Amino acid sequence: MNWVTALAVVAIITGATMTVVVLLALATLRRNIDDTVVRQAQQIKRLTEAVAALTLQQQQHQTRIQELTEASRRLSDRLGDRDESGRANGSARLLH
């Protein structure tokens, strides 16, 4: 074996070793990326569920606000009617 053949064998072995190292590194990176994607998908699912729950809660609160506003309006109307009927009879009432 001359020195050119020895150099060629060393270059081939070095190339093969570097190829294996790069392929292992890429496999590890791909696995890490896949794990990250799975975690992010789970987080997105949890956030979507949280947003849906909060939206439902907001709708329920908005419905309750409307109910209370309507009840307040009806009460104000009734109190106004009583006040007017009291004045029509000539008696003034003070509400405390």
N, C-alpha and C. Protein backbone atom coordinates (compact mmCIF):
# COMPACT_ATOMS: atom_id res chain seq x y z
N MET A 1 0.82 -1.18 0.00
CA MET A 1 0.00 0.00 0.00
C MET A 1 0.86 1.24 0.00
N ASN A 2 0.55 2.08 -0.89
CA ASN A 2 1.31 3.33 -0.90
C ASN A 2 0.53 4.39 -0.11
N TRP A 3 1.14 5.53 0.00
CA TRP A 3 0.55 6.58 0.84
C TRP A 3 -0.74 7.14 0.25
N VAL A 4 -0.91 7.10 -1.05
CA VAL A 4 -2.14 7.61 -1.68
C VAL A 4 -3.32 6.69 -1.33
N THR A 5 -3.10 5.40 -1.34
CA THR A 5 -4.15 4.45 -0.99
C THR A 5 -4.52 4.61 0.48
N ALA A 6 -3.52 4.76 1.34
CA ALA A 6 -3.77 4.95 2.77
C ALA A 6 -4.56 6.24 3.01
N LEU A 7 -4.20 7.29 2.31
CA LEU A 7 -4.91 8.57 2.43
C LEU A 7 -6.36 8.43 1.94
N ALA A 8 -6.58 7.70 0.87
CA ALA A 8 -7.92 7.48 0.35
C ALA A 8 -8.77 6.69 1.34
N VAL A 9 -8.19 5.66 1.96
CA VAL A 9 -8.92 4.87 2.95
C VAL A 9 -9.28 5.73 4.15
N VAL A 10 -8.35 6.56 4.62
CA VAL A 10 -8.62 7.46 5.75
C VAL A 10 -9.71 8.45 5.38
N ALA A 11 -9.69 8.99 4.18
CA ALA A 11 -10.71 9.94 3.73
C ALA A 11 -12.08 9.27 3.67
N ILE A 12 -12.14 8.04 3.18
CA ILE A 12 -13.41 7.33 3.10
C ILE A 12 -13.95 7.04 4.50
N ILE A 13 -13.09 6.60 5.40
CA ILE A 13 -13.52 6.32 6.78
C ILE A 13 -13.98 7.59 7.46
N THR A 14 -13.24 8.70 7.25
CA THR A 14 -13.61 9.98 7.84
C THR A 14 -14.96 10.44 7.27
N GLY A 15 -15.15 10.31 5.99
CA GLY A 15 -16.43 10.70 5.37
C GLY A 15 -17.59 9.88 5.89
N ALA A 16 -17.37 8.57 6.03
CA ALA A 16 -18.43 7.70 6.54
C ALA A 16 -18.76 8.06 8.00
N THR A 17 -17.72 8.32 8.78
CA THR A 17 -17.93 8.70 10.18
C THR A 17 -18.71 10.01 10.27
N MET A 18 -18.33 10.99 9.46
CA MET A 18 -19.02 12.29 9.47
C MET A 18 -20.47 12.13 9.02
N THR A 19 -20.71 11.27 8.06
CA THR A 19 -22.07 11.02 7.58
C THR A 19 -22.93 10.43 8.70
N VAL A 20 -22.37 9.46 9.42
CA VAL A 20 -23.10 8.85 10.53
C VAL A 20 -23.38 9.89 11.61
N VAL A 21 -22.40 10.71 11.93
CA VAL A 21 -22.58 11.75 12.97
C VAL A 21 -23.66 12.73 12.54
N VAL A 22 -23.63 13.18 11.30
CA VAL A 22 -24.62 14.13 10.81
C VAL A 22 -26.01 13.50 10.80
N LEU A 23 -26.12 12.25 10.37
CA LEU A 23 -27.43 11.58 10.36
C LEU A 23 -27.98 11.40 11.77
N LEU A 24 -27.12 11.06 12.72
CA LEU A 24 -27.57 10.96 14.11
C LEU A 24 -28.03 12.31 14.65
N ALA A 25 -27.28 13.36 14.33
CA ALA A 25 -27.66 14.71 14.78
C ALA A 25 -28.99 15.12 14.17
N LEU A 26 -29.19 14.84 12.89
CA LEU A 26 -30.46 15.17 12.24
C LEU A 26 -31.62 14.38 12.84
N ALA A 27 -31.38 13.12 13.14
CA ALA A 27 -32.43 12.30 13.75
C ALA A 27 -32.82 12.85 15.13
N THR A 28 -31.81 13.25 15.88
CA THR A 28 -32.07 13.83 17.21
C THR A 28 -32.84 15.14 17.07
N LEU A 29 -32.43 15.99 16.14
CA LEU A 29 -33.14 17.25 15.92
C LEU A 29 -34.59 17.00 15.50
N ARG A 30 -34.78 16.06 14.60
CA ARG A 30 -36.13 15.75 14.14
C ARG A 30 -37.00 15.25 15.29
N ARG A 31 -36.45 14.39 16.13
CA ARG A 31 -37.19 13.89 17.28
C ARG A 31 -37.55 15.03 18.23
N ASN A 32 -36.59 15.93 18.48
CA ASN A 32 -36.86 17.08 19.35
C ASN A 32 -37.93 17.97 18.76
N ILE A 33 -37.87 18.19 17.46
CA ILE A 33 -38.88 19.03 16.80
C ILE A 33 -40.25 18.36 16.89
N ASP A 34 -40.30 17.05 16.67
CA ASP A 34 -41.57 16.34 16.77
C ASP A 34 -42.14 16.43 18.18
N ASP A 35 -41.30 16.28 19.19
CA ASP A 35 -41.76 16.40 20.58
C ASP A 35 -42.30 17.80 20.85
N THR A 36 -41.60 18.79 20.34
CA THR A 36 -42.03 20.19 20.53
C THR A 36 -43.37 20.44 19.84
N VAL A 37 -43.52 19.91 18.65
CA VAL A 37 -44.79 20.07 17.92
C VAL A 37 -45.93 19.42 18.68
N VAL A 38 -45.71 18.25 19.25
CA VAL A 38 -46.75 17.56 20.02
C VAL A 38 -47.12 18.38 21.25
N ARG A 39 -46.11 18.89 21.96
CA ARG A 39 -46.38 19.72 23.15
C ARG A 39 -47.16 20.97 22.77
N GLN A 40 -46.75 21.62 21.67
CA GLN A 40 -47.45 22.83 21.25
C GLN A 40 -48.89 22.53 20.84
N ALA A 41 -49.11 21.39 20.19
CA ALA A 41 -50.46 21.01 19.80
C ALA A 41 -51.33 20.79 21.04
N GLN A 42 -50.75 20.17 22.08
CA GLN A 42 -51.49 19.96 23.31
C GLN A 42 -51.81 21.30 23.98
N GLN A 43 -50.84 22.21 23.97
CA GLN A 43 -51.07 23.53 24.56
C GLN A 43 -52.15 24.29 23.79
N ILE A 44 -52.12 24.19 22.47
CA ILE A 44 -53.13 24.86 21.65
C ILE A 44 -54.51 24.28 21.95
N LYS A 45 -54.59 22.97 22.12
CA LYS A 45 -55.86 22.33 22.44
C LYS A 45 -56.38 22.82 23.79
N ARG A 46 -55.48 22.87 24.79
CA ARG A 46 -55.89 23.36 26.12
C ARG A 46 -56.33 24.82 26.04
N LEU A 47 -55.61 25.64 25.30
CA LEU A 47 -55.99 27.05 25.17
C LEU A 47 -57.32 27.20 24.45
N THR A 48 -57.53 26.38 23.43
CA THR A 48 -58.81 26.43 22.69
C THR A 48 -59.96 26.06 23.62
N GLU A 49 -59.77 25.05 24.44
CA GLU A 49 -60.80 24.65 25.39
C GLU A 49 -61.04 25.76 26.42
N ALA A 50 -59.97 26.39 26.86
CA ALA A 50 -60.11 27.48 27.84
C ALA A 50 -60.87 28.66 27.22
N VAL A 51 -60.54 28.99 25.98
CA VAL A 51 -61.23 30.10 25.30
C VAL A 51 -62.71 29.76 25.12
N ALA A 52 -63.01 28.52 24.76
CA ALA A 52 -64.40 28.11 24.59
C ALA A 52 -65.16 28.21 25.92
N ALA A 53 -64.53 27.78 26.99
CA ALA A 53 -65.17 27.86 28.31
C ALA A 53 -65.39 29.32 28.72
N LEU A 54 -64.40 30.16 28.47
CA LEU A 54 -64.53 31.57 28.82
C LEU A 54 -65.58 32.27 27.96
N THR A 55 -65.68 31.87 26.70
CA THR A 55 -66.69 32.45 25.82
C THR A 55 -68.09 32.08 26.30
N LEU A 56 -68.26 30.82 26.67
CA LEU A 56 -69.54 30.38 27.21
C LEU A 56 -69.88 31.13 28.49
N GLN A 57 -68.89 31.27 29.35
CA GLN A 57 -69.09 31.99 30.61
C GLN A 57 -69.46 33.45 30.34
N GLN A 58 -68.80 34.06 29.36
CA GLN A 58 -69.11 35.45 29.02
C GLN A 58 -70.54 35.57 28.50
N GLN A 59 -70.97 34.62 27.68
CA GLN A 59 -72.34 34.65 27.16
C GLN A 59 -73.35 34.49 28.29
N GLN A 60 -73.04 33.62 29.24
CA GLN A 60 -73.94 33.44 30.38
C GLN A 60 -74.01 34.72 31.21
N HIS A 61 -72.86 35.36 31.42
CA HIS A 61 -72.85 36.61 32.19
C HIS A 61 -73.59 37.71 31.44
N GLN A 62 -73.42 37.75 30.13
CA GLN A 62 -74.10 38.77 29.33
C GLN A 62 -75.62 38.57 29.40
N THR A 63 -76.05 37.31 29.35
CA THR A 63 -77.48 37.01 29.48
C THR A 63 -78.00 37.45 30.84
N ARG A 64 -77.23 37.18 31.88
CA ARG A 64 -77.63 37.59 33.24
C ARG A 64 -77.69 39.11 33.36
N ILE A 65 -76.73 39.80 32.75
CA ILE A 65 -76.73 41.27 32.77
C ILE A 65 -77.99 41.79 32.10
N GLN A 66 -78.36 41.20 30.97
CA GLN A 66 -79.57 41.63 30.27
C GLN A 66 -80.82 41.39 31.12
N GLU A 67 -80.86 40.24 31.79
CA GLU A 67 -81.99 39.93 32.67
C GLU A 67 -82.08 40.95 33.80
N LEU A 68 -80.95 41.26 34.41
CA LEU A 68 -80.94 42.22 35.51
C LEU A 68 -81.29 43.63 35.02
N THR A 69 -80.84 43.99 33.84
CA THR A 69 -81.16 45.31 33.28
C THR A 69 -82.66 45.42 33.03
N GLU A 70 -83.24 44.35 32.48
CA GLU A 70 -84.68 44.34 32.23
C GLU A 70 -85.47 44.40 33.54
N ALA A 71 -85.02 43.64 34.54
CA ALA A 71 -85.69 43.67 35.85
C ALA A 71 -85.58 45.05 36.48
N SER A 72 -84.44 45.67 36.34
CA SER A 72 -84.25 47.02 36.87
C SER A 72 -85.17 48.02 36.17
N ARG A 73 -85.29 47.87 34.85
CA ARG A 73 -86.16 48.77 34.09
C ARG A 73 -87.61 48.60 34.52
N ARG A 74 -88.04 47.32 34.67
CA ARG A 74 -89.42 47.07 35.10
C ARG A 74 -89.68 47.64 36.49
N LEU A 75 -88.70 47.48 37.39
CA LEU A 75 -88.84 48.01 38.74
C LEU A 75 -88.92 49.52 38.72
N SER A 76 -88.08 50.14 37.91
CA SER A 76 -88.13 51.60 37.79
C SER A 76 -89.47 52.06 37.24
N ASP A 77 -89.99 51.32 36.26
CA ASP A 77 -91.31 51.67 35.70
C ASP A 77 -92.39 51.55 36.76
N ARG A 78 -92.34 50.46 37.56
CA ARG A 78 -93.35 50.29 38.59
C ARG A 78 -93.25 51.37 39.66
N LEU A 79 -92.02 51.71 40.04
CA LEU A 79 -91.85 52.77 41.04
C LEU A 79 -92.31 54.11 40.49
N GLY A 80 -92.04 54.33 39.22
CA GLY A 80 -92.50 55.57 38.59
C GLY A 80 -94.00 55.64 38.52
N ASP A 81 -94.64 54.51 38.23
CA ASP A 81 -96.11 54.47 38.19
C ASP A 81 -96.69 54.74 39.57
N ARG A 82 -96.10 54.15 40.60
CA ARG A 82 -96.58 54.38 41.96
C ARG A 82 -96.41 55.84 42.36
N ASP A 83 -95.27 56.41 41.98
CA ASP A 83 -95.01 57.81 42.32
C ASP A 83 -96.03 58.71 41.64
N GLU A 84 -96.32 58.43 40.40
CA GLU A 84 -97.30 59.25 39.67
C GLU A 84 -98.70 59.07 40.25
N SER A 85 -99.07 57.84 40.62
CA SER A 85 -100.40 57.62 41.19
C SER A 85 -100.50 58.28 42.56
N GLY A 86 -99.41 58.31 43.29
CA GLY A 86 -99.42 58.96 44.60
C GLY A 86 -99.58 60.46 44.46
N ARG A 87 -98.94 61.05 43.47
CA ARG A 87 -99.07 62.49 43.24
C ARG A 87 -100.47 62.82 42.72
N ALA A 88 -101.02 61.91 41.95
CA ALA A 88 -102.36 62.16 41.42
C ALA A 88 -103.39 62.18 42.57
N ASN A 89 -103.13 61.43 43.61
CA ASN A 89 -104.04 61.40 44.77
C ASN A 89 -103.75 62.54 45.72
N GLY A 90 -102.72 63.31 45.46
CA GLY A 90 -102.40 64.44 46.30
C GLY A 90 -101.48 64.13 47.45
N SER A 91 -100.96 62.96 47.54
CA SER A 91 -100.05 62.63 48.63
C SER A 91 -98.66 62.38 48.05
N ALA A 92 -97.66 62.94 48.66
CA ALA A 92 -96.28 62.77 48.24
C ALA A 92 -95.63 61.70 49.11
N ARG A 93 -94.87 60.81 48.50
CA ARG A 93 -94.18 59.76 49.25
C ARG A 93 -92.67 59.93 49.09
N LEU A 94 -91.98 59.74 50.16
CA LEU A 94 -90.53 59.79 50.13
C LEU A 94 -90.01 58.38 50.25
N LEU A 95 -89.10 58.02 49.36
CA LEU A 95 -88.49 56.71 49.41
C LEU A 95 -87.10 56.83 49.97
N HIS A 96 -86.83 56.03 50.96
CA HIS A 96 -85.49 56.04 51.56
C HIS A 96 -84.82 54.76 51.27
